Amino acid sequence: MSGHSKWKNIMHKKEKTDAQRASVFTKIGKEMAIAVREGGADPNANGKLRELIAKAKASNVPNDNIDRVIKKASSSDAEKYEEVVYEGYGPGGVAVIVTTATDNRNRTGGDIRHYFDKYGGNLGQTGCVGYMFTDKGVIIVERDDDLDEDKLMEAALEAGADDFLTDDAEVYEIRTQPEDLYAIRDAIKAAGYEVVSADQDKIPSVYVTLGDDEQVKMMNLLLEHLEDNDDVQEVYHNWEN
């Protein structure tokens, strides 16, 4: 699945994290605030918050910072973030879904529309491209000469995974139903395998190849500006790059 390599996305985000850690934590902090509002401040009773804490720690966010965000989100004067999803087309008809967490829908919507307009795309109505994607859990395990592929596949499928992909030369990609993601991740870890990441994802049913260098340049700029925006949580697309 060269068009949608979760591994490449992870490596890209890691590079961004190393260079822009404050921005990364701003994004995670907003997700935490929403999770606390919806499910409470106790990570033992709030699975979403528990996973976000793990995500923050994986990005080397200090425990004090994590505790401060949770405490602030629990207070009566906590900022009220809402999740808003935008859909549209990038250059050459690439389908793009942008998930955001914002305290100002007008500001965020204006920014997202500006990026699409400036870099050869157009923002559409809700649902205009969503039907092209399927929600999945994606678990990444790095390839290793000592790792037995058949045994890993057996462990994943026995744990309830939907699919086991071997297309990528660097990693194995295990796909699950979204609600089964973390249970299957834990089972794979318990079987002795090191998990690089376990994330919710949107998998395209069709892919788009861009025809010329200018379209590729504009698509890269669109993705770069979307991902650099503090209100943007995730960007999904069906560009086969």
Protein backbone atom coordinates (compact mmCIF):
# COMPACT_ATOMS: atom_id res chain seq x y z
CA MET A 1 0.00 0.00 0.00
CA SER A 2 2.50 2.60 -1.15
CA GLY A 3 -0.20 5.24 -1.22
CA HIS A 4 -0.80 5.13 2.50
CA SER A 5 2.31 4.16 4.44
CA LYS A 6 1.63 4.63 8.13
CA TRP A 7 5.35 4.13 8.73
CA LYS A 8 6.26 7.09 6.52
CA ASN A 9 3.68 9.20 8.35
CA ILE A 10 5.18 8.20 11.70
CA MET A 11 8.72 9.02 10.59
CA HIS A 12 7.54 12.37 9.22
CA LYS A 13 5.78 13.17 12.49
CA LYS A 14 8.83 12.13 14.52
CA GLU A 15 10.98 14.57 12.57
CA LYS A 16 8.39 17.28 13.24
CA THR A 17 8.27 16.31 16.91
CA ASP A 18 12.02 16.64 17.30
CA ALA A 19 11.94 20.10 15.72
CA GLN A 20 8.62 21.38 17.08
CA ARG A 21 7.93 19.61 20.36
CA ALA A 22 5.94 22.51 21.81
CA SER A 23 3.55 22.44 18.86
CA VAL A 24 3.13 18.69 19.13
CA PHE A 25 2.24 18.94 22.81
CA THR A 26 -0.22 21.75 22.08
CA LYS A 27 -2.08 19.33 19.82
CA ILE A 28 -2.00 16.46 22.32
CA GLY A 29 -3.01 18.86 25.11
CA LYS A 30 -6.17 19.82 23.24
CA GLU A 31 -7.05 16.16 22.74
CA MET A 32 -6.50 15.60 26.46
CA ALA A 33 -8.77 18.52 27.35
CA ILE A 34 -11.57 17.04 25.22
CA ALA A 35 -10.98 13.56 26.68
CA VAL A 36 -11.12 14.89 30.26
CA ARG A 37 -14.34 16.79 29.55
CA GLU A 38 -15.96 13.71 28.02
CA GLY A 39 -14.64 10.98 30.28
CA GLY A 40 -13.15 12.49 33.43
CA ALA A 41 -9.61 13.12 34.70
CA ASP A 42 -8.83 9.59 35.93
CA PRO A 43 -6.83 7.74 33.26
CA ASN A 44 -7.69 4.40 34.90
CA ALA A 45 -11.35 5.04 34.12
CA ASN A 46 -10.81 6.99 30.89
CA GLY A 47 -9.21 4.87 28.18
CA LYS A 48 -8.88 7.73 25.72
CA LEU A 49 -7.04 9.87 28.25
CA ARG A 50 -4.80 6.93 29.16
CA GLU A 51 -3.77 6.52 25.52
CA LEU A 52 -3.13 10.25 25.12
CA ILE A 53 -0.87 10.24 28.18
CA ALA A 54 1.09 7.38 26.62
CA LYS A 55 1.25 9.31 23.35
CA ALA A 56 2.57 12.41 25.16
CA LYS A 57 5.22 10.39 27.00
CA ALA A 58 6.30 8.80 23.71
CA SER A 59 6.90 12.35 22.47
CA ASN A 60 9.08 13.00 25.56
CA VAL A 61 6.60 15.41 27.16
CA PRO A 62 7.51 15.83 30.87
CA ASN A 63 5.10 14.36 33.43
CA ASP A 64 4.68 17.78 35.05
CA ASN A 65 3.35 19.18 31.77
CA ILE A 66 0.92 16.30 31.39
CA ASP A 67 -0.36 16.69 34.96
CA ARG A 68 -0.77 20.45 34.46
CA VAL A 69 -2.90 19.98 31.34
CA ILE A 70 -5.15 17.42 33.04
CA LYS A 71 -5.58 19.64 36.10
CA LYS A 72 -6.39 22.66 33.97
CA ALA A 73 -8.85 20.67 31.84
CA SER A 74 -10.63 19.60 35.04
CA SER A 75 -11.10 23.14 36.31
CA SER A 76 -14.24 25.24 35.88
CA ASP A 77 -12.43 27.79 33.71
CA ALA A 78 -10.98 25.22 31.31
CA GLU A 79 -10.91 26.19 27.65
CA LYS A 80 -13.70 24.54 25.70
CA TYR A 81 -12.35 22.78 22.64
CA GLU A 82 -14.57 21.12 20.06
CA GLU A 83 -13.68 18.58 17.41
CA VAL A 84 -14.43 19.71 13.85
CA VAL A 85 -13.74 17.68 10.70
CA TYR A 86 -13.10 19.28 7.30
CA GLU A 87 -13.16 17.50 3.95
CA GLY A 88 -11.99 18.60 0.54
CA TYR A 89 -9.79 18.00 -2.47
CA GLY A 90 -6.12 18.79 -2.93
CA PRO A 91 -4.33 19.30 -6.26
CA GLY A 92 -5.23 16.70 -8.89
CA GLY A 93 -8.33 15.55 -7.01
CA VAL A 94 -6.55 14.10 -3.96
CA ALA A 95 -9.13 13.44 -1.22
CA VAL A 96 -8.21 15.09 2.09
CA ILE A 97 -9.77 14.82 5.56
CA VAL A 98 -8.60 17.19 8.30
CA THR A 99 -9.55 16.62 11.95
CA THR A 100 -9.21 19.60 14.30
CA ALA A 101 -9.65 20.56 17.96
CA THR A 102 -10.49 24.24 18.27
CA ASP A 103 -11.81 26.89 20.64
CA ASN A 104 -12.66 29.14 17.68
CA ARG A 105 -14.44 27.43 14.79
CA ASN A 106 -14.38 30.57 12.62
CA ARG A 107 -10.61 31.00 12.95
CA THR A 108 -9.88 27.36 12.24
CA GLY A 109 -12.30 27.11 9.33
CA GLY A 110 -10.83 30.26 7.79
CA ASP A 111 -7.29 28.89 8.10
CA ILE A 112 -8.19 25.51 6.57
CA ARG A 113 -10.05 27.12 3.67
CA HIS A 114 -7.10 29.46 3.04
CA TYR A 115 -4.65 26.54 2.77
CA PHE A 116 -6.87 24.64 0.34
CA ASP A 117 -7.41 27.73 -1.82
CA LYS A 118 -3.74 28.77 -1.83
CA TYR A 119 -2.31 25.36 -2.70
CA GLY A 120 -4.52 24.22 -5.55
CA GLY A 121 -7.34 22.51 -3.71
CA ASN A 122 -10.87 23.28 -2.63
CA LEU A 123 -12.70 22.72 0.65
CA GLY A 124 -15.89 20.73 0.24
CA GLN A 125 -18.98 19.81 2.22
CA THR A 126 -18.99 17.28 5.06
CA GLY A 127 -19.12 13.80 3.52
CA CYS A 128 -17.73 14.78 0.12
CA VAL A 129 -14.70 12.46 0.49
CA GLY A 130 -15.34 10.64 3.77
CA TYR A 131 -17.01 7.73 1.99
CA MET A 132 -13.65 6.90 0.35
CA PHE A 133 -12.06 6.05 3.72
CA THR A 134 -12.56 3.26 6.26
CA ASP A 135 -11.74 3.72 9.95
CA LYS A 136 -9.14 1.21 11.12
CA GLY A 137 -6.68 0.66 13.91
CA VAL A 138 -3.11 0.40 12.64
CA ILE A 139 -0.30 -1.24 14.60
CA ILE A 140 3.28 -0.93 13.37
CA VAL A 141 6.02 -3.45 14.21
CA GLU A 142 9.50 -2.79 12.87
CA ARG A 143 11.12 -5.52 10.78
CA ASP A 144 14.04 -7.34 12.38
CA ASP A 145 16.25 -10.16 11.10
CA ASP A 146 15.54 -12.09 14.30
CA LEU A 147 11.77 -11.62 14.04
CA ASP A 148 9.77 -14.57 12.71
CA GLU A 149 7.16 -13.10 10.34
CA ASP A 150 4.88 -16.15 10.47
CA LYS A 151 4.82 -16.16 14.28
CA LEU A 152 4.08 -12.43 14.43
CA MET A 153 1.26 -12.85 11.91
CA GLU A 154 -0.13 -15.78 13.90
CA ALA A 155 -0.03 -13.73 17.14
CA ALA A 156 -1.76 -10.79 15.46
CA LEU A 157 -4.52 -12.84 13.85
CA GLU A 158 -5.11 -14.89 17.01
CA ALA A 159 -5.51 -11.61 18.91
CA GLY A 160 -8.26 -10.59 16.47
CA ALA A 161 -6.48 -8.51 13.82
CA ASP A 162 -8.24 -8.04 10.46
CA ASP A 163 -5.17 -7.96 8.25
CA PHE A 164 -1.38 -8.36 8.28
CA LEU A 165 0.50 -6.38 5.62
CA THR A 166 4.07 -7.08 4.51
CA ASP A 167 4.34 -4.58 1.63
CA ASP A 168 6.76 -2.24 3.40
CA ALA A 169 10.45 -3.19 3.50
CA GLU A 170 10.93 -1.65 6.95
CA VAL A 171 7.85 -2.59 8.96
CA TYR A 172 4.86 -4.90 9.34
CA GLU A 173 1.46 -3.23 9.42
CA ILE A 174 -1.33 -4.86 11.39
CA ARG A 175 -4.89 -3.59 10.84
CA THR A 176 -7.74 -3.93 13.31
CA GLN A 177 -11.23 -2.72 13.98
CA PRO A 178 -10.89 0.67 15.73
CA GLU A 179 -12.44 -0.55 18.97
CA ASP A 180 -10.04 -3.54 19.12
CA LEU A 181 -6.84 -1.56 18.51
CA TYR A 182 -5.44 -1.30 22.02
CA ALA A 183 -6.44 -4.80 23.15
CA ILE A 184 -4.67 -6.28 20.11
CA ARG A 185 -1.66 -4.01 20.64
CA ASP A 186 -1.40 -5.23 24.23
CA ALA A 187 -1.66 -8.86 23.11
CA ILE A 188 1.14 -8.39 20.58
CA LYS A 189 3.31 -6.74 23.24
CA ALA A 190 2.54 -9.58 25.66
CA ALA A 191 3.71 -12.02 22.99
CA GLY A 192 7.12 -10.33 23.14
CA TYR A 193 7.02 -7.98 20.16
CA GLU A 194 7.99 -4.31 20.26
CA VAL A 195 5.23 -2.06 18.90
CA VAL A 196 6.42 1.14 17.20
CA SER A 197 2.95 2.72 17.23
CA ALA A 198 -0.75 1.96 17.55
CA ASP A 199 -3.09 4.59 16.12
CA GLN A 200 -6.56 5.13 14.75
CA ASP A 201 -6.36 5.72 11.01
CA LYS A 202 -8.50 6.25 7.92
CA ILE A 203 -7.61 3.89 5.07
CA PRO A 204 -8.48 5.02 1.51
CA SER A 205 -10.38 2.67 -0.80
CA VAL A 206 -8.87 4.34 -3.89
CA TYR A 207 -5.64 6.24 -4.49
CA VAL A 208 -4.69 9.22 -6.65
CA THR A 209 -1.37 9.70 -8.44
CA LEU A 210 -0.36 13.27 -9.23
CA GLY A 211 0.63 13.93 -12.81
CA ASP A 212 3.34 16.59 -12.63
CA ASP A 213 5.95 18.17 -10.37
CA GLU A 214 3.90 21.32 -9.77
CA GLN A 215 0.98 19.30 -8.38
CA VAL A 216 3.36 17.35 -6.16
CA LYS A 217 4.91 20.60 -4.89
CA MET A 218 1.50 22.13 -4.15
CA MET A 219 0.24 18.97 -2.42
CA ASN A 220 3.32 18.86 -0.19
CA LEU A 221 2.82 22.53 0.71
CA LEU A 222 -0.86 21.93 1.52
CA LEU A 223 -0.01 19.03 3.83
CA GLU A 224 2.85 20.93 5.44
CA HIS A 225 0.70 23.96 6.28
CA LEU A 226 -2.19 21.84 7.53
CA GLU A 227 0.06 19.80 9.81
CA ASP A 228 1.81 22.91 11.15
CA ASN A 229 -1.49 24.46 12.28
CA ASP A 230 -1.92 24.04 16.05
CA ASP A 231 -5.67 23.38 15.67
CA VAL A 232 -5.11 20.45 13.27
CA GLN A 233 -4.93 17.03 14.91
CA GLU A 234 -4.68 14.67 11.94
CA VAL A 235 -4.58 14.87 8.15
CA TYR A 236 -5.66 11.89 6.04
CA HIS A 237 -5.37 11.67 2.24
CA ASN A 238 -5.35 9.20 -0.65
CA TRP A 239 -2.29 10.54 -2.47
CA GLU A 240 -0.11 7.70 -3.75
CA ASN A 241 3.29 9.31 -3.36
